Amino acid sequence: MSPKQQRGEETADRLLDAALQVYAESGEQGVTVGALTKTSGVSLGSLYHHFGSVDGLMNALLLRWLGRLLAEMAASVERSRTARTGIRSLVRAYLKFIKENPDGARLLHSSYADRLGMAQARQLRDAQEARLSPMTDWMQRHVDSGEVAPLPMPLIEGLVLGPVVATARRWLAGFDDVDLDQAARVLPERIWRSLVP
């Protein structure tokens, strides 16, 4: 990588880091050109050069955090030999990620992410295909072996992630009736039972 390319990547990273900081401190409405350039120390021209717009920057930030979450989830199932241990590991990895990365997790579970997801679902899925395929393939092997109920993959995804996402959203919203450690102990087995043939 040339020094110019390296500087370009560093600038893009500074902008992405600044965008998350501004989003965490001020919410979606606070993510303005002025706030981003002030927090990052990067010029307006550089922001537009790297991302095209504030929306382009926020989309890239969302993809960055989605990629990180999916990487953690994929790694959790790759280390598992059975469907049961894989589901347990995946649920725990998701909840651990939320607890360790609350700012990124708030973005991933935000109304902004929901709007983008509804508008660009196929593009988002295609952009993350390399991370999604191993998890889908892993699950399909366990469906084929009879270890997991023969349901359509979107329903399996809903059974596994639905309770986890709902719990994460509640915790991220600041409700004090949600304990992620307790959820990590209780949810994996309950979710597994929903998948048993």
C-alpha atoms as a PDB file:
ATOM      1  CA  MET A   1       0.000   0.000   0.000  1.00  0.00           C
ATOM      2  CA  SER A   2       1.366   3.387  -0.971  1.00  0.00           C
ATOM      3  CA  PRO A   3       1.755   6.153   1.634  1.00  0.00           C
ATOM      4  CA  LYS A   4      -1.064   8.070  -0.088  1.00  0.00           C
ATOM      5  CA  GLN A   5      -3.399   5.064   0.145  1.00  0.00           C
ATOM      6  CA  GLN A   6      -2.434   4.563   3.787  1.00  0.00           C
ATOM      7  CA  ARG A   7      -3.198   8.225   4.578  1.00  0.00           C
ATOM      8  CA  GLY A   8      -6.525   7.842   2.770  1.00  0.00           C
ATOM      9  CA  GLU A   9      -7.445   4.812   4.878  1.00  0.00           C
ATOM     10  CA  GLU A  10      -6.418   6.596   8.066  1.00  0.00           C
ATOM     11  CA  THR A  11      -8.577   9.580   7.106  1.00  0.00           C
ATOM     12  CA  ALA A  12     -11.558   7.332   6.366  1.00  0.00           C
ATOM     13  CA  ASP A  13     -11.060   5.545   9.698  1.00  0.00           C
ATOM     14  CA  ARG A  14     -10.929   8.879  11.559  1.00  0.00           C
ATOM     15  CA  LEU A  15     -14.179   9.916   9.920  1.00  0.00           C
ATOM     16  CA  LEU A  16     -15.853   6.607  10.766  1.00  0.00           C
ATOM     17  CA  ASP A  17     -14.661   6.787  14.379  1.00  0.00           C
ATOM     18  CA  ALA A  18     -15.837  10.394  14.636  1.00  0.00           C
ATOM     19  CA  ALA A  19     -19.227   9.511  13.163  1.00  0.00           C
ATOM     20  CA  LEU A  20     -19.774   6.842  15.812  1.00  0.00           C
ATOM     21  CA  GLN A  21     -18.677   9.226  18.572  1.00  0.00           C
ATOM     22  CA  VAL A  22     -21.002  11.991  17.343  1.00  0.00           C
ATOM     23  CA  TYR A  23     -23.865   9.515  16.901  1.00  0.00           C
ATOM     24  CA  ALA A  24     -23.324   8.139  20.422  1.00  0.00           C
ATOM     25  CA  GLU A  25     -23.216  11.605  21.982  1.00  0.00           C
ATOM     26  CA  SER A  26     -25.897  13.399  19.956  1.00  0.00           C
ATOM     27  CA  GLY A  27     -28.028  10.843  18.139  1.00  0.00           C
ATOM     28  CA  GLU A  28     -28.876  10.805  14.471  1.00  0.00           C
ATOM     29  CA  GLN A  29     -29.859  14.490  14.421  1.00  0.00           C
ATOM     30  CA  GLY A  30     -26.449  15.457  15.769  1.00  0.00           C
ATOM     31  CA  VAL A  31     -24.585  13.846  12.889  1.00  0.00           C
ATOM     32  CA  THR A  32     -23.903  16.961  10.867  1.00  0.00           C
ATOM     33  CA  VAL A  33     -21.066  17.968   8.581  1.00  0.00           C
ATOM     34  CA  GLY A  34     -19.882  20.477  11.167  1.00  0.00           C
ATOM     35  CA  ALA A  35     -19.902  17.980  14.021  1.00  0.00           C
ATOM     36  CA  LEU A  36     -18.118  15.369  11.924  1.00  0.00           C
ATOM     37  CA  THR A  37     -15.348  17.649  10.685  1.00  0.00           C
ATOM     38  CA  LYS A  38     -14.835  19.143  14.159  1.00  0.00           C
ATOM     39  CA  THR A  39     -14.679  15.778  15.918  1.00  0.00           C
ATOM     40  CA  SER A  40     -12.503  14.085  13.304  1.00  0.00           C
ATOM     41  CA  GLY A  41     -10.258  17.022  12.445  1.00  0.00           C
ATOM     42  CA  VAL A  42     -10.817  16.068   8.802  1.00  0.00           C
ATOM     43  CA  SER A  43     -11.777  18.587   6.135  1.00  0.00           C
ATOM     44  CA  LEU A  44     -15.175  18.767   4.508  1.00  0.00           C
ATOM     45  CA  GLY A  45     -13.555  17.919   1.170  1.00  0.00           C
ATOM     46  CA  SER A  46     -12.071  14.728   2.592  1.00  0.00           C
ATOM     47  CA  LEU A  47     -15.435  13.669   3.976  1.00  0.00           C
ATOM     48  CA  TYR A  48     -17.039  14.068   0.551  1.00  0.00           C
ATOM     49  CA  HIS A  49     -14.049  12.508  -1.213  1.00  0.00           C
ATOM     50  CA  HIS A  50     -14.165   9.339   0.869  1.00  0.00           C
ATOM     51  CA  PHE A  51     -17.904   8.923   1.425  1.00  0.00           C
ATOM     52  CA  GLY A  52     -19.749  11.240  -0.959  1.00  0.00           C
ATOM     53  CA  SER A  53     -22.084  12.544   1.757  1.00  0.00           C
ATOM     54  CA  VAL A  54     -22.953  12.272   5.424  1.00  0.00           C
ATOM     55  CA  ASP A  55     -25.404   9.504   4.467  1.00  0.00           C
ATOM     56  CA  GLY A  56     -22.589   7.708   2.653  1.00  0.00           C
ATOM     57  CA  LEU A  57     -20.437   7.959   5.777  1.00  0.00           C
ATOM     58  CA  MET A  58     -23.231   6.671   8.006  1.00  0.00           C
ATOM     59  CA  ASN A  59     -23.949   3.788   5.618  1.00  0.00           C
ATOM     60  CA  ALA A  60     -20.253   2.854   5.684  1.00  0.00           C
ATOM     61  CA  LEU A  61     -20.270   3.067   9.483  1.00  0.00           C
ATOM     62  CA  LEU A  62     -23.299   0.813   9.683  1.00  0.00           C
ATOM     63  CA  LEU A  63     -21.659  -1.715   7.346  1.00  0.00           C
ATOM     64  CA  ARG A  64     -18.467  -1.598   9.428  1.00  0.00           C
ATOM     65  CA  TRP A  65     -20.314  -2.499  12.625  1.00  0.00           C
ATOM     66  CA  LEU A  66     -22.556  -5.031  10.928  1.00  0.00           C
ATOM     67  CA  GLY A  67     -19.450  -6.701   9.528  1.00  0.00           C
ATOM     68  CA  ARG A  68     -17.869  -6.844  12.976  1.00  0.00           C
ATOM     69  CA  LEU A  69     -20.980  -8.375  14.529  1.00  0.00           C
ATOM     70  CA  LEU A  70     -21.342 -10.946  11.746  1.00  0.00           C
ATOM     71  CA  ALA A  71     -17.657 -11.847  12.035  1.00  0.00           C
ATOM     72  CA  GLU A  72     -18.100 -12.556  15.758  1.00  0.00           C
ATOM     73  CA  MET A  73     -21.192 -14.630  15.087  1.00  0.00           C
ATOM     74  CA  ALA A  74     -19.519 -16.606  12.286  1.00  0.00           C
ATOM     75  CA  ALA A  75     -16.478 -17.314  14.440  1.00  0.00           C
ATOM     76  CA  SER A  76     -18.722 -18.556  17.247  1.00  0.00           C
ATOM     77  CA  VAL A  77     -20.421 -21.211  15.120  1.00  0.00           C
ATOM     78  CA  GLU A  78     -17.225 -22.259  13.340  1.00  0.00           C
ATOM     79  CA  ARG A  79     -15.799 -23.411  16.679  1.00  0.00           C
ATOM     80  CA  SER A  80     -18.879 -25.513  17.448  1.00  0.00           C
ATOM     81  CA  ARG A  81     -19.279 -29.164  16.562  1.00  0.00           C
ATOM     82  CA  THR A  82     -22.981 -29.608  17.264  1.00  0.00           C
ATOM     83  CA  ALA A  83     -25.983 -27.482  16.412  1.00  0.00           C
ATOM     84  CA  ARG A  84     -26.827 -27.085  20.078  1.00  0.00           C
ATOM     85  CA  THR A  85     -23.377 -25.803  21.052  1.00  0.00           C
ATOM     86  CA  GLY A  86     -23.332 -23.604  17.953  1.00  0.00           C
ATOM     87  CA  ILE A  87     -26.645 -21.956  18.787  1.00  0.00           C
ATOM     88  CA  ARG A  88     -25.548 -21.439  22.379  1.00  0.00           C
ATOM     89  CA  SER A  89     -22.275 -19.950  21.227  1.00  0.00           C
ATOM     90  CA  LEU A  90     -23.919 -17.697  18.635  1.00  0.00           C
ATOM     91  CA  VAL A  91     -26.436 -16.272  21.121  1.00  0.00           C
ATOM     92  CA  ARG A  92     -23.727 -15.635  23.682  1.00  0.00           C
ATOM     93  CA  ALA A  93     -21.441 -14.051  21.077  1.00  0.00           C
ATOM     94  CA  TYR A  94     -24.215 -11.678  20.000  1.00  0.00           C
ATOM     95  CA  LEU A  95     -24.993 -10.604  23.569  1.00  0.00           C
ATOM     96  CA  LYS A  96     -21.294 -10.247  24.419  1.00  0.00           C
ATOM     97  CA  PHE A  97     -20.795  -8.055  21.352  1.00  0.00           C
ATOM     98  CA  ILE A  98     -23.688  -5.820  22.433  1.00  0.00           C
ATOM     99  CA  LYS A  99     -22.321  -5.465  25.953  1.00  0.00           C
ATOM    100  CA  GLU A 100     -18.753  -4.742  24.800  1.00  0.00           C
ATOM    101  CA  ASN A 101     -19.710  -2.359  21.963  1.00  0.00           C
ATOM    102  CA  PRO A 102     -22.779  -0.423  23.129  1.00  0.00           C
ATOM    103  CA  ASP A 103     -22.261   2.566  20.822  1.00  0.00           C
ATOM    104  CA  GLY A 104     -21.850   0.429  17.700  1.00  0.00           C
ATOM    105  CA  ALA A 105     -24.692  -1.807  18.860  1.00  0.00           C
ATOM    106  CA  ARG A 106     -27.005   1.191  19.329  1.00  0.00           C
ATOM    107  CA  LEU A 107     -26.314   2.184  15.750  1.00  0.00           C
ATOM    108  CA  LEU A 108     -26.982  -1.362  14.508  1.00  0.00           C
ATOM    109  CA  HIS A 109     -30.284  -1.492  16.411  1.00  0.00           C
ATOM    110  CA  SER A 110     -31.360   2.071  15.638  1.00  0.00           C
ATOM    111  CA  SER A 111     -34.282   3.370  13.631  1.00  0.00           C
ATOM    112  CA  TYR A 112     -31.662   4.665  11.167  1.00  0.00           C
ATOM    113  CA  ALA A 113     -30.394   1.104  10.637  1.00  0.00           C
ATOM    114  CA  ASP A 114     -33.979  -0.156  10.364  1.00  0.00           C
ATOM    115  CA  ARG A 115     -34.797   2.417   7.667  1.00  0.00           C
ATOM    116  CA  LEU A 116     -31.643   1.591   5.754  1.00  0.00           C
ATOM    117  CA  GLY A 117     -32.270  -2.120   6.162  1.00  0.00           C
ATOM    118  CA  MET A 118     -35.792  -1.830   4.778  1.00  0.00           C
ATOM    119  CA  ALA A 119     -34.695   0.355   1.865  1.00  0.00           C
ATOM    120  CA  GLN A 120     -31.522  -1.545   0.995  1.00  0.00           C
ATOM    121  CA  ALA A 121     -32.039  -5.029   2.414  1.00  0.00           C
ATOM    122  CA  ARG A 122     -30.761  -6.895  -0.628  1.00  0.00           C
ATOM    123  CA  GLN A 123     -27.700  -4.650  -1.050  1.00  0.00           C
ATOM    124  CA  LEU A 124     -26.817  -4.977   2.650  1.00  0.00           C
ATOM    125  CA  ARG A 125     -27.185  -8.734   2.500  1.00  0.00           C
ATOM    126  CA  ASP A 126     -25.115  -8.936  -0.679  1.00  0.00           C
ATOM    127  CA  ALA A 127     -22.405  -6.742   0.878  1.00  0.00           C
ATOM    128  CA  GLN A 128     -22.174  -9.116   3.852  1.00  0.00           C
ATOM    129  CA  GLU A 129     -22.594 -12.365   1.885  1.00  0.00           C
ATOM    130  CA  ALA A 130     -19.063 -13.578   2.647  1.00  0.00           C
ATOM    131  CA  ARG A 131     -19.863 -13.448   6.355  1.00  0.00           C
ATOM    132  CA  LEU A 132     -23.419 -14.752   6.084  1.00  0.00           C
ATOM    133  CA  SER A 133     -22.691 -17.763   3.873  1.00  0.00           C
ATOM    134  CA  PRO A 134     -20.603 -19.702   6.414  1.00  0.00           C
ATOM    135  CA  MET A 135     -23.323 -19.339   9.058  1.00  0.00           C
ATOM    136  CA  THR A 136     -26.069 -20.305   6.617  1.00  0.00           C
ATOM    137  CA  ASP A 137     -24.034 -23.272   5.356  1.00  0.00           C
ATOM    138  CA  TRP A 138     -23.306 -24.344   8.936  1.00  0.00           C
ATOM    139  CA  MET A 139     -26.980 -24.233   9.837  1.00  0.00           C
ATOM    140  CA  GLN A 140     -28.025 -26.008   6.636  1.00  0.00           C
ATOM    141  CA  ARG A 141     -25.649 -28.897   7.444  1.00  0.00           C
ATOM    142  CA  HIS A 142     -27.398 -29.339  10.782  1.00  0.00           C
ATOM    143  CA  VAL A 143     -30.829 -29.163   9.161  1.00  0.00           C
ATOM    144  CA  ASP A 144     -29.720 -31.765   6.604  1.00  0.00           C
ATOM    145  CA  SER A 145     -28.391 -34.035   9.361  1.00  0.00           C
ATOM    146  CA  GLY A 146     -31.734 -33.875  11.202  1.00  0.00           C
ATOM    147  CA  GLU A 147     -30.270 -32.102  14.212  1.00  0.00           C
ATOM    148  CA  VAL A 148     -32.309 -28.943  13.507  1.00  0.00           C
ATOM    149  CA  ALA A 149     -35.970 -28.824  12.464  1.00  0.00           C
ATOM    150  CA  PRO A 150     -36.394 -28.649   8.667  1.00  0.00           C
ATOM    151  CA  LEU A 151     -37.682 -25.086   8.521  1.00  0.00           C
ATOM    152  CA  PRO A 152     -36.993 -22.436   5.910  1.00  0.00           C
ATOM    153  CA  MET A 153     -33.765 -20.606   6.726  1.00  0.00           C
ATOM    154  CA  PRO A 154     -35.487 -17.220   7.289  1.00  0.00           C
ATOM    155  CA  LEU A 155     -37.681 -18.819   9.973  1.00  0.00           C
ATOM    156  CA  ILE A 156     -34.676 -20.398  11.652  1.00  0.00           C
ATOM    157  CA  GLU A 157     -32.962 -17.005  11.601  1.00  0.00           C
ATOM    158  CA  GLY A 158     -36.049 -15.438  13.204  1.00  0.00           C
ATOM    159  CA  LEU A 159     -36.223 -18.114  15.913  1.00  0.00           C
ATOM    160  CA  VAL A 160     -32.534 -17.694  16.740  1.00  0.00           C
ATOM    161  CA  LEU A 161     -32.104 -13.950  16.454  1.00  0.00           C
ATOM    162  CA  GLY A 162     -35.581 -12.638  17.274  1.00  0.00           C
ATOM    163  CA  PRO A 163     -35.324 -13.084  21.053  1.00  0.00           C
ATOM    164  CA  VAL A 164     -31.695 -11.945  21.080  1.00  0.00           C
ATOM    165  CA  VAL A 165     -32.366  -8.777  19.098  1.00  0.00           C
ATOM    166  CA  ALA A 166     -35.403  -7.936  21.256  1.00  0.00           C
ATOM    167  CA  THR A 167     -33.332  -8.381  24.416  1.00  0.00           C
ATOM    168  CA  ALA A 168     -30.449  -6.343  23.002  1.00  0.00           C
ATOM    169  CA  ARG A 169     -32.746  -3.485  21.958  1.00  0.00           C
ATOM    170  CA  ARG A 170     -34.326  -3.352  25.395  1.00  0.00           C
ATOM    171  CA  TRP A 171     -30.919  -3.271  27.103  1.00  0.00           C
ATOM    172  CA  LEU A 172     -29.573  -0.673  24.675  1.00  0.00           C
ATOM    173  CA  ALA A 173     -32.649   1.501  25.301  1.00  0.00           C
ATOM    174  CA  GLY A 174     -31.645   1.651  28.956  1.00  0.00           C
ATOM    175  CA  PHE A 175     -34.308  -0.529  30.527  1.00  0.00           C
ATOM    176  CA  ASP A 176     -32.918  -1.711  33.835  1.00  0.00           C
ATOM    177  CA  ASP A 177     -35.004  -4.887  33.841  1.00  0.00           C
ATOM    178  CA  VAL A 178     -32.671  -6.578  31.347  1.00  0.00           C
ATOM    179  CA  ASP A 179     -29.487  -8.296  32.478  1.00  0.00           C
ATOM    180  CA  LEU A 180     -27.397  -9.417  29.507  1.00  0.00           C
ATOM    181  CA  ASP A 181     -25.473 -11.926  31.621  1.00  0.00           C
ATOM    182  CA  GLN A 182     -28.721 -13.544  32.707  1.00  0.00           C
ATOM    183  CA  ALA A 183     -29.973 -13.475  29.118  1.00  0.00           C
ATOM    184  CA  ALA A 184     -26.762 -15.216  28.010  1.00  0.00           C
ATOM    185  CA  ARG A 185     -27.481 -17.982  30.523  1.00  0.00           C
ATOM    186  CA  VAL A 186     -31.203 -18.385  29.785  1.00  0.00           C
ATOM    187  CA  LEU A 187     -31.789 -17.622  26.104  1.00  0.00           C
ATOM    188  CA  PRO A 188     -29.448 -20.135  24.422  1.00  0.00           C
ATOM    189  CA  GLU A 189     -31.258 -23.202  25.766  1.00  0.00           C
ATOM    190  CA  ARG A 190     -34.712 -21.714  25.210  1.00  0.00           C
ATOM    191  CA  ILE A 191     -33.813 -20.831  21.632  1.00  0.00           C
ATOM    192  CA  TRP A 192     -32.301 -24.266  21.066  1.00  0.00           C
ATOM    193  CA  ARG A 193     -35.574 -25.911  22.152  1.00  0.00           C
ATOM    194  CA  SER A 194     -37.414 -23.986  19.426  1.00  0.00           C
ATOM    195  CA  LEU A 195     -35.153 -25.593  16.807  1.00  0.00           C
ATOM    196  CA  VAL A 196     -35.269 -29.207  17.946  1.00  0.00           C
ATOM    197  CA  PRO A 197     -37.026 -31.391  15.326  1.00  0.00           C
END
